[in-house]
Amino acid sequence: MPKKIIIIGSGNAALCAGIAALEKGAEVHIYEKADRDLAGGNTKYTAGAMRFAYEKSKHLNQFLTNPNDEKLKKTDFGSYTQEKFLADLNS
């Protein structure tokens, strides 16, 4: 019998948790108090983007569908250090 998971809210973190639980075979129920137009937590402010710290562009390769794409040779993602990430969270 699969585990039953209840998630309160439908923001990015909640939906990621739901997906992870589903991938592990759980039965997932998500409840959101906001009306349909306002559901999704802060997602409307971030356009679904997620932030995380990384030092160099090459550290992002593991997340790319095609890390060998020729366009990447001309692309500079810069960096988003842990210090900058924490400063942004604290501002």
PDB file of N, CA and C in Angstrom:
ATOM      1  N   MET A   1       0.845  -1.173   0.000  1.00  0.00           N
ATOM      2  CA  MET A   1       0.000   0.000   0.000  1.00  0.00           C
ATOM      3  C   MET A   1       0.897   1.245   0.000  1.00  0.00           C
ATOM      4  N   PRO A   2       0.666   2.168  -0.941  1.00  0.00           N
ATOM      5  CA  PRO A   2       1.528   3.362  -1.017  1.00  0.00           C
ATOM      6  C   PRO A   2       1.289   4.304   0.161  1.00  0.00           C
ATOM      7  N   LYS A   3       2.336   5.038   0.511  1.00  0.00           N
ATOM      8  CA  LYS A   3       2.186   6.059   1.546  1.00  0.00           C
ATOM      9  C   LYS A   3       1.289   7.160   1.013  1.00  0.00           C
ATOM     10  N   LYS A   4       0.549   7.777   1.905  1.00  0.00           N
ATOM     11  CA  LYS A   4      -0.338   8.875   1.531  1.00  0.00           C
ATOM     12  C   LYS A   4       0.274  10.173   2.053  1.00  0.00           C
ATOM     13  N   ILE A   5       0.454  11.124   1.153  1.00  0.00           N
ATOM     14  CA  ILE A   5       1.070  12.399   1.480  1.00  0.00           C
ATOM     15  C   ILE A   5       0.052  13.510   1.250  1.00  0.00           C
ATOM     16  N   ILE A   6      -0.076  14.396   2.231  1.00  0.00           N
ATOM     17  CA  ILE A   6      -0.917  15.577   2.094  1.00  0.00           C
ATOM     18  C   ILE A   6      -0.006  16.791   2.090  1.00  0.00           C
ATOM     19  N   ILE A   7      -0.162  17.636   1.082  1.00  0.00           N
ATOM     20  CA  ILE A   7       0.637  18.848   0.956  1.00  0.00           C
ATOM     21  C   ILE A   7      -0.305  20.037   1.011  1.00  0.00           C
ATOM     22  N   ILE A   8       0.045  20.992   1.876  1.00  0.00           N
ATOM     23  CA  ILE A   8      -0.769  22.195   2.028  1.00  0.00           C
ATOM     24  C   ILE A   8      -0.093  23.325   1.266  1.00  0.00           C
ATOM     25  N   GLY A   9      -0.773  23.857   0.269  1.00  0.00           N
ATOM     26  CA  GLY A   9      -0.226  24.926  -0.564  1.00  0.00           C
ATOM     27  C   GLY A   9       0.235  24.391  -1.904  1.00  0.00           C
ATOM     28  N   SER A  10       0.278  25.300  -2.889  1.00  0.00           N
ATOM     29  CA  SER A  10       0.650  24.861  -4.249  1.00  0.00           C
ATOM     30  C   SER A  10       1.750  25.729  -4.849  1.00  0.00           C
ATOM     31  N   GLY A  11       2.655  26.211  -4.002  1.00  0.00           N
ATOM     32  CA  GLY A  11       3.802  26.954  -4.508  1.00  0.00           C
ATOM     33  C   GLY A  11       4.848  26.015  -5.079  1.00  0.00           C
ATOM     34  N   ASN A  12       5.950  26.578  -5.548  1.00  0.00           N
ATOM     35  CA  ASN A  12       7.008  25.770  -6.148  1.00  0.00           C
ATOM     36  C   ASN A  12       7.507  24.672  -5.224  1.00  0.00           C
ATOM     37  N   ALA A  13       7.791  25.014  -3.964  1.00  0.00           N
ATOM     38  CA  ALA A  13       8.317  24.018  -3.026  1.00  0.00           C
ATOM     39  C   ALA A  13       7.315  22.890  -2.814  1.00  0.00           C
ATOM     40  N   ALA A  14       6.046  23.252  -2.664  1.00  0.00           N
ATOM     41  CA  ALA A  14       5.010  22.240  -2.460  1.00  0.00           C
ATOM     42  C   ALA A  14       4.891  21.317  -3.665  1.00  0.00           C
ATOM     43  N   LEU A  15       4.889  21.901  -4.843  1.00  0.00           N
ATOM     44  CA  LEU A  15       4.759  21.074  -6.047  1.00  0.00           C
ATOM     45  C   LEU A  15       5.982  20.187  -6.262  1.00  0.00           C
ATOM     46  N   CYS A  16       7.162  20.704  -5.946  1.00  0.00           N
ATOM     47  CA  CYS A  16       8.376  19.878  -6.044  1.00  0.00           C
ATOM     48  C   CYS A  16       8.307  18.712  -5.064  1.00  0.00           C
ATOM     49  N   ALA A  17       7.827  18.980  -3.850  1.00  0.00           N
ATOM     50  CA  ALA A  17       7.666  17.907  -2.865  1.00  0.00           C
ATOM     51  C   ALA A  17       6.665  16.875  -3.366  1.00  0.00           C
ATOM     52  N   GLY A  18       5.592  17.347  -3.975  1.00  0.00           N
ATOM     53  CA  GLY A  18       4.588  16.433  -4.520  1.00  0.00           C
ATOM     54  C   GLY A  18       5.145  15.557  -5.628  1.00  0.00           C
ATOM     55  N   ILE A  19       5.907  16.153  -6.509  1.00  0.00           N
ATOM     56  CA  ILE A  19       6.520  15.386  -7.603  1.00  0.00           C
ATOM     57  C   ILE A  19       7.477  14.345  -7.043  1.00  0.00           C
ATOM     58  N   ALA A  20       8.307  14.743  -6.077  1.00  0.00           N
ATOM     59  CA  ALA A  20       9.263  13.811  -5.473  1.00  0.00           C
ATOM     60  C   ALA A  20       8.537  12.643  -4.811  1.00  0.00           C
ATOM     61  N   ALA A  21       7.451  12.937  -4.104  1.00  0.00           N
ATOM     62  CA  ALA A  21       6.686  11.877  -3.452  1.00  0.00           C
ATOM     63  C   ALA A  21       6.049  10.943  -4.472  1.00  0.00           C
ATOM     64  N   LEU A  22       5.504  11.513  -5.546  1.00  0.00           N
ATOM     65  CA  LEU A  22       4.926  10.687  -6.607  1.00  0.00           C
ATOM     66  C   LEU A  22       5.970   9.778  -7.237  1.00  0.00           C
ATOM     67  N   GLU A  23       7.161  10.325  -7.466  1.00  0.00           N
ATOM     68  CA  GLU A  23       8.240   9.524  -8.056  1.00  0.00           C
ATOM     69  C   GLU A  23       8.642   8.359  -7.164  1.00  0.00           C
ATOM     70  N   LYS A  24       8.404   8.497  -5.862  1.00  0.00           N
ATOM     71  CA  LYS A  24       8.715   7.410  -4.915  1.00  0.00           C
ATOM     72  C   LYS A  24       7.520   6.493  -4.690  1.00  0.00           C
ATOM     73  N   GLY A  25       6.438   6.740  -5.430  1.00  0.00           N
ATOM     74  CA  GLY A  25       5.285   5.849  -5.371  1.00  0.00           C
ATOM     75  C   GLY A  25       4.200   6.231  -4.376  1.00  0.00           C
ATOM     76  N   ALA A  26       4.282   7.400  -3.799  1.00  0.00           N
ATOM     77  CA  ALA A  26       3.276   7.817  -2.823  1.00  0.00           C
ATOM     78  C   ALA A  26       2.006   8.298  -3.518  1.00  0.00           C
ATOM     79  N   GLU A  27       0.930   8.266  -2.762  1.00  0.00           N
ATOM     80  CA  GLU A  27      -0.332   8.867  -3.188  1.00  0.00           C
ATOM     81  C   GLU A  27      -0.324  10.290  -2.638  1.00  0.00           C
ATOM     82  N   VAL A  28      -0.469  11.282  -3.506  1.00  0.00           N
ATOM     83  CA  VAL A  28      -0.301  12.677  -3.092  1.00  0.00           C
ATOM     84  C   VAL A  28      -1.592  13.463  -3.280  1.00  0.00           C
ATOM     85  N   HIS A  29      -1.929  14.249  -2.254  1.00  0.00           N
ATOM     86  CA  HIS A  29      -3.063  15.158  -2.316  1.00  0.00           C
ATOM     87  C   HIS A  29      -2.545  16.548  -1.972  1.00  0.00           C
ATOM     88  N   ILE A  30      -2.826  17.532  -2.825  1.00  0.00           N
ATOM     89  CA  ILE A  30      -2.392  18.906  -2.608  1.00  0.00           C
ATOM     90  C   ILE A  30      -3.620  19.770  -2.376  1.00  0.00           C
ATOM     91  N   TYR A  31      -3.585  20.538  -1.294  1.00  0.00           N
ATOM     92  CA  TYR A  31      -4.692  21.425  -0.952  1.00  0.00           C
ATOM     93  C   TYR A  31      -4.201  22.870  -0.971  1.00  0.00           C
ATOM     94  N   GLU A  32      -4.966  23.728  -1.601  1.00  0.00           N
ATOM     95  CA  GLU A  32      -4.623  25.146  -1.733  1.00  0.00           C
ATOM     96  C   GLU A  32      -5.820  25.975  -1.297  1.00  0.00           C
ATOM     97  N   LYS A  33      -5.613  26.954  -0.408  1.00  0.00           N
ATOM     98  CA  LYS A  33      -6.729  27.783   0.052  1.00  0.00           C
ATOM     99  C   LYS A  33      -7.044  28.931  -0.895  1.00  0.00           C
ATOM    100  N   ALA A  34      -6.077  29.343  -1.705  1.00  0.00           N
ATOM    101  CA  ALA A  34      -6.291  30.478  -2.608  1.00  0.00           C
ATOM    102  C   ALA A  34      -7.218  30.099  -3.758  1.00  0.00           C
ATOM    103  N   ASP A  35      -7.895  31.105  -4.277  1.00  0.00           N
ATOM    104  CA  ASP A  35      -8.695  30.890  -5.482  1.00  0.00           C
ATOM    105  C   ASP A  35      -7.773  30.487  -6.621  1.00  0.00           C
ATOM    106  N   ARG A  36      -8.335  29.902  -7.649  1.00  0.00           N
ATOM    107  CA  ARG A  36      -7.552  29.420  -8.785  1.00  0.00           C
ATOM    108  C   ARG A  36      -6.623  30.508  -9.350  1.00  0.00           C
ATOM    109  N   ASP A  37      -7.097  31.749  -9.434  1.00  0.00           N
ATOM    110  CA  ASP A  37      -6.289  32.828  -9.996  1.00  0.00           C
ATOM    111  C   ASP A  37      -5.097  33.206  -9.121  1.00  0.00           C
ATOM    112  N   LEU A  38      -5.163  32.900  -7.838  1.00  0.00           N
ATOM    113  CA  LEU A  38      -4.092  33.271  -6.915  1.00  0.00           C
ATOM    114  C   LEU A  38      -3.277  32.079  -6.430  1.00  0.00           C
ATOM    115  N   ALA A  39      -3.603  30.886  -6.880  1.00  0.00           N
ATOM    116  CA  ALA A  39      -2.877  29.687  -6.448  1.00  0.00           C
ATOM    117  C   ALA A  39      -1.447  29.724  -6.981  1.00  0.00           C
ATOM    118  N   GLY A  40      -0.572  29.023  -6.291  1.00  0.00           N
ATOM    119  CA  GLY A  40       0.806  28.911  -6.748  1.00  0.00           C
ATOM    120  C   GLY A  40       1.808  29.649  -5.894  1.00  0.00           C
ATOM    121  N   GLY A  41       1.378  30.174  -4.752  1.00  0.00           N
ATOM    122  CA  GLY A  41       2.303  30.854  -3.854  1.00  0.00           C
ATOM    123  C   GLY A  41       2.990  32.028  -4.521  1.00  0.00           C
ATOM    124  N   ASN A  42       4.278  32.158  -4.326  1.00  0.00           N
ATOM    125  CA  ASN A  42       5.049  33.266  -4.887  1.00  0.00           C
ATOM    126  C   ASN A  42       5.467  33.030  -6.335  1.00  0.00           C
ATOM    127  N   THR A  43       5.029  31.948  -6.921  1.00  0.00           N
ATOM    128  CA  THR A  43       5.417  31.610  -8.288  1.00  0.00           C
ATOM    129  C   THR A  43       5.107  32.734  -9.258  1.00  0.00           C
ATOM    130  N   LYS A  44       4.010  33.436  -9.049  1.00  0.00           N
ATOM    131  CA  LYS A  44       3.648  34.514  -9.974  1.00  0.00           C
ATOM    132  C   LYS A  44       4.680  35.630  -9.966  1.00  0.00           C
ATOM    133  N   TYR A  45       5.425  35.766  -8.870  1.00  0.00           N
ATOM    134  CA  TYR A  45       6.449  36.805  -8.791  1.00  0.00           C
ATOM    135  C   TYR A  45       7.784  36.364  -9.399  1.00  0.00           C
ATOM    136  N   THR A  46       7.979  35.059  -9.506  1.00  0.00           N
ATOM    137  CA  THR A  46       9.257  34.541  -9.997  1.00  0.00           C
ATOM    138  C   THR A  46       9.164  33.909 -11.380  1.00  0.00           C
ATOM    139  N   ALA A  47       7.964  33.865 -11.943  1.00  0.00           N
ATOM    140  CA  ALA A  47       7.726  33.218 -13.243  1.00  0.00           C
ATOM    141  C   ALA A  47       8.168  31.755 -13.219  1.00  0.00           C
ATOM    142  N   GLY A  48       8.079  31.139 -12.045  1.00  0.00           N
ATOM    143  CA  GLY A  48       8.439  29.732 -11.916  1.00  0.00           C
ATOM    144  C   GLY A  48       9.922  29.490 -11.769  1.00  0.00           C
ATOM    145  N   ALA A  49      10.719  30.549 -11.745  1.00  0.00           N
ATOM    146  CA  ALA A  49      12.174  30.389 -11.630  1.00  0.00           C
ATOM    147  C   ALA A  49      12.547  29.930 -10.227  1.00  0.00           C
ATOM    148  N   MET A  50      13.637  29.222 -10.140  1.00  0.00           N
ATOM    149  CA  MET A  50      14.175  28.786  -8.862  1.00  0.00           C
ATOM    150  C   MET A  50      15.617  29.275  -8.772  1.00  0.00           C
ATOM    151  N   ARG A  51      16.027  29.743  -7.598  1.00  0.00           N
ATOM    152  CA  ARG A  51      17.396  30.206  -7.411  1.00  0.00           C
ATOM    153  C   ARG A  51      18.173  29.196  -6.585  1.00  0.00           C
ATOM    154  N   PHE A  52      19.434  29.041  -6.922  1.00  0.00           N
ATOM    155  CA  PHE A  52      20.343  28.223  -6.128  1.00  0.00           C
ATOM    156  C   PHE A  52      21.754  28.717  -6.386  1.00  0.00           C
ATOM    157  N   ALA A  53      22.614  28.461  -5.424  1.00  0.00           N
ATOM    158  CA  ALA A  53      23.995  28.954  -5.527  1.00  0.00           C
ATOM    159  C   ALA A  53      24.824  28.054  -6.435  1.00  0.00           C
ATOM    160  N   TYR A  54      25.709  28.680  -7.205  1.00  0.00           N
ATOM    161  CA  TYR A  54      26.691  27.957  -8.007  1.00  0.00           C
ATOM    162  C   TYR A  54      27.876  28.890  -8.242  1.00  0.00           C
ATOM    163  N   GLU A  55      29.051  28.305  -8.369  1.00  0.00           N
ATOM    164  CA  GLU A  55      30.274  29.097  -8.520  1.00  0.00           C
ATOM    165  C   GLU A  55      30.618  29.377  -9.978  1.00  0.00           C
ATOM    166  N   LYS A  56      30.440  28.379 -10.845  1.00  0.00           N
ATOM    167  CA  LYS A  56      30.834  28.506 -12.248  1.00  0.00           C
ATOM    168  C   LYS A  56      29.748  27.920 -13.144  1.00  0.00           C
ATOM    169  N   SER A  57      29.716  28.391 -14.368  1.00  0.00           N
ATOM    170  CA  SER A  57      28.723  27.899 -15.331  1.00  0.00           C
ATOM    171  C   SER A  57      28.773  26.384 -15.466  1.00  0.00           C
ATOM    172  N   LYS A  58      29.966  25.801 -15.413  1.00  0.00           N
ATOM    173  CA  LYS A  58      30.080  24.347 -15.608  1.00  0.00           C
ATOM    174  C   LYS A  58      29.336  23.556 -14.531  1.00  0.00           C
ATOM    175  N   HIS A  59      29.098  24.190 -13.385  1.00  0.00           N
ATOM    176  CA  HIS A  59      28.356  23.515 -12.323  1.00  0.00           C
ATOM    177  C   HIS A  59      26.880  23.343 -12.675  1.00  0.00           C
ATOM    178  N   LEU A  60      26.418  24.031 -13.703  1.00  0.00           N
ATOM    179  CA  LEU A  60      25.028  23.934 -14.135  1.00  0.00           C
ATOM    180  C   LEU A  60      24.799  22.798 -15.126  1.00  0.00           C
ATOM    181  N   ASN A  61      25.864  22.262 -15.700  1.00  0.00           N
ATOM    182  CA  ASN A  61      25.742  21.250 -16.758  1.00  0.00           C
ATOM    183  C   ASN A  61      24.887  20.059 -16.357  1.00  0.00           C
ATOM    184  N   GLN A  62      24.973  19.656 -15.113  1.00  0.00           N
ATOM    185  CA  GLN A  62      24.212  18.476 -14.678  1.00  0.00           C
ATOM    186  C   GLN A  62      22.701  18.687 -14.756  1.00  0.00           C
ATOM    187  N   PHE A  63      22.264  19.943 -14.837  1.00  0.00           N
ATOM    188  CA  PHE A  63      20.836  20.240 -14.886  1.00  0.00           C
ATOM    189  C   PHE A  63      20.319  20.439 -16.308  1.00  0.00           C
ATOM    190  N   LEU A  64      21.200  20.429 -17.286  1.00  0.00           N
ATOM    191  CA  LEU A  64      20.823  20.699 -18.672  1.00  0.00           C
ATOM    192  C   LEU A  64      20.403  19.430 -19.395  1.00  0.00           C
ATOM    193  N   THR A  65      19.413  19.555 -20.244  1.00  0.00           N
ATOM    194  CA  THR A  65      18.986  18.423 -21.064  1.00  0.00           C
ATOM    195  C   THR A  65      20.099  18.009 -22.013  1.00  0.00           C
ATOM    196  N   ASN A  66      20.793  19.008 -22.581  1.00  0.00           N
ATOM    197  CA  ASN A  66      21.885  18.720 -23.505  1.00  0.00           C
ATOM    198  C   ASN A  66      23.122  19.523 -23.103  1.00  0.00           C
ATOM    199  N   PRO A  67      23.937  18.993 -22.167  1.00  0.00           N
ATOM    200  CA  PRO A  67      25.116  19.731 -21.722  1.00  0.00           C
ATOM    201  C   PRO A  67      26.186  19.882 -22.797  1.00  0.00           C
ATOM    202  N   ASN A  68      26.007  19.244 -23.936  1.00  0.00           N
ATOM    203  CA  ASN A  68      26.973  19.350 -25.039  1.00  0.00           C
ATOM    204  C   ASN A  68      26.500  20.295 -26.140  1.00  0.00           C
ATOM    205  N   ASP A  69      25.438  21.032 -25.877  1.00  0.00           N
ATOM    206  CA  ASP A  69      24.908  21.968 -26.866  1.00  0.00           C
ATOM    207  C   ASP A  69      25.989  22.977 -27.250  1.00  0.00           C
ATOM    208  N   GLU A  70      26.193  23.183 -28.531  1.00  0.00           N
ATOM    209  CA  GLU A  70      27.229  24.087 -29.040  1.00  0.00           C
ATOM    210  C   GLU A  70      27.048  25.526 -28.548  1.00  0.00           C
ATOM    211  N   LYS A  71      25.799  25.940 -28.323  1.00  0.00           N
ATOM    212  CA  LYS A  71      25.540  27.309 -27.876  1.00  0.00           C
ATOM    213  C   LYS A  71      26.142  27.590 -26.507  1.00  0.00           C
ATOM    214  N   LEU A  72      26.369  26.566 -25.714  1.00  0.00           N
ATOM    215  CA  LEU A  72      26.912  26.759 -24.374  1.00  0.00           C
ATOM    216  C   LEU A  72      28.340  27.296 -24.403  1.00  0.00           C
ATOM    217  N   LYS A  73      29.054  27.043 -25.485  1.00  0.00           N
ATOM    218  CA  LYS A  73      30.423  27.545 -25.609  1.00  0.00           C
ATOM    219  C   LYS A  73      30.435  29.075 -25.653  1.00  0.00           C
ATOM    220  N   LYS A  74      29.318  29.673 -26.091  1.00  0.00           N
ATOM    221  CA  LYS A  74      29.228  31.131 -26.200  1.00  0.00           C
ATOM    222  C   LYS A  74      28.372  31.742 -25.091  1.00  0.00           C
ATOM    223  N   THR A  75      27.988  30.945 -24.120  1.00  0.00           N
ATOM    224  CA  THR A  75      27.068  31.393 -23.077  1.00  0.00           C
ATOM    225  C   THR A  75      27.803  31.551 -21.754  1.00  0.00           C
ATOM    226  N   ASP A  76      27.552  32.669 -21.094  1.00  0.00           N
ATOM    227  CA  ASP A  76      28.145  32.906 -19.784  1.00  0.00           C
ATOM    228  C   ASP A  76      27.027  33.135 -18.771  1.00  0.00           C
ATOM    229  N   PHE A  77      26.855  32.186 -17.860  1.00  0.00           N
ATOM    230  CA  PHE A  77      25.827  32.296 -16.834  1.00  0.00           C
ATOM    231  C   PHE A  77      26.343  33.028 -15.595  1.00  0.00           C
ATOM    232  N   GLY A  78      27.603  33.402 -15.624  1.00  0.00           N
ATOM    233  CA  GLY A  78      28.190  34.077 -14.473  1.00  0.00           C
ATOM    234  C   GLY A  78      28.250  33.144 -13.287  1.00  0.00           C
ATOM    235  N   SER A  79      28.013  33.685 -12.099  1.00  0.00           N
ATOM    236  CA  SER A  79      27.957  32.876 -10.892  1.00  0.00           C
ATOM    237  C   SER A  79      26.925  33.473  -9.948  1.00  0.00           C
ATOM    238  N   TYR A  80      26.507  32.686  -9.023  1.00  0.00           N
ATOM    239  CA  TYR A  80      25.583  33.137  -7.986  1.00  0.00           C
ATOM    240  C   TYR A  80      26.066  32.467  -6.703  1.00  0.00           C
ATOM    241  N   THR A  81      27.004  33.104  -6.048  1.00  0.00           N
ATOM    242  CA  THR A  81      27.685  32.507  -4.905  1.00  0.00           C
ATOM    243  C   THR A  81      26.743  32.315  -3.717  1.00  0.00           C
ATOM    244  N   GLN A  82      27.163  31.471  -2.794  1.00  0.00           N
ATOM    245  CA  GLN A  82      26.376  31.248  -1.589  1.00  0.00           C
ATOM    246  C   GLN A  82      26.215  32.548  -0.812  1.00  0.00           C
ATOM    247  N   GLU A  83      27.271  33.355  -0.796  1.00  0.00           N
ATOM    248  CA  GLU A  83      27.207  34.626  -0.090  1.00  0.00           C
ATOM    249  C   GLU A  83      26.141  35.541  -0.699  1.00  0.00           C
ATOM    250  N   LYS A  84      26.104  35.627  -2.028  1.00  0.00           N
ATOM    251  CA  LYS A  84      25.118  36.460  -2.719  1.00  0.00           C
ATOM    252  C   LYS A  84      23.710  35.913  -2.501  1.00  0.00           C
ATOM    253  N   PHE A  85      23.580  34.596  -2.588  1.00  0.00           N
ATOM    254  CA  PHE A  85      22.277  33.949  -2.378  1.00  0.00           C
ATOM    255  C   PHE A  85      21.747  34.272  -0.976  1.00  0.00           C
ATOM    256  N   LEU A  86      22.598  34.108   0.041  1.00  0.00           N
ATOM    257  CA  LEU A  86      22.172  34.381   1.411  1.00  0.00           C
ATOM    258  C   LEU A  86      21.872  35.865   1.614  1.00  0.00           C
ATOM    259  N   ALA A  87      22.659  36.736   0.995  1.00  0.00           N
ATOM    260  CA  ALA A  87      22.393  38.178   1.095  1.00  0.00           C
ATOM    261  C   ALA A  87      21.031  38.510   0.482  1.00  0.00           C
ATOM    262  N   ASP A  88      20.706  37.895  -0.654  1.00  0.00           N
ATOM    263  CA  ASP A  88      19.414  38.128  -1.282  1.00  0.00           C
ATOM    264  C   ASP A  88      18.267  37.631  -0.399  1.00  0.00           C
ATOM    265  N   LEU A  89      18.446  36.473   0.230  1.00  0.00           N
ATOM    266  CA  LEU A  89      17.411  35.938   1.111  1.00  0.00           C
ATOM    267  C   LEU A  89      17.194  36.828   2.325  1.00  0.00           C
ATOM    268  N   ASN A  90      18.254  37.455   2.792  1.00  0.00           N
ATOM    269  CA  ASN A  90      18.170  38.287   3.991  1.00  0.00           C
ATOM    270  C   ASN A  90      17.750  39.728   3.708  1.00  0.00           C
ATOM    271  N   SER A  91      17.632  40.096   2.421  1.00  0.00           N
ATOM    272  CA  SER A  91      17.276  41.488   2.114  1.00  0.00           C
ATOM    273  C   SER A  91      15.773  41.675   2.047  1.00  0.00           C
TER     274      SER A  91
END
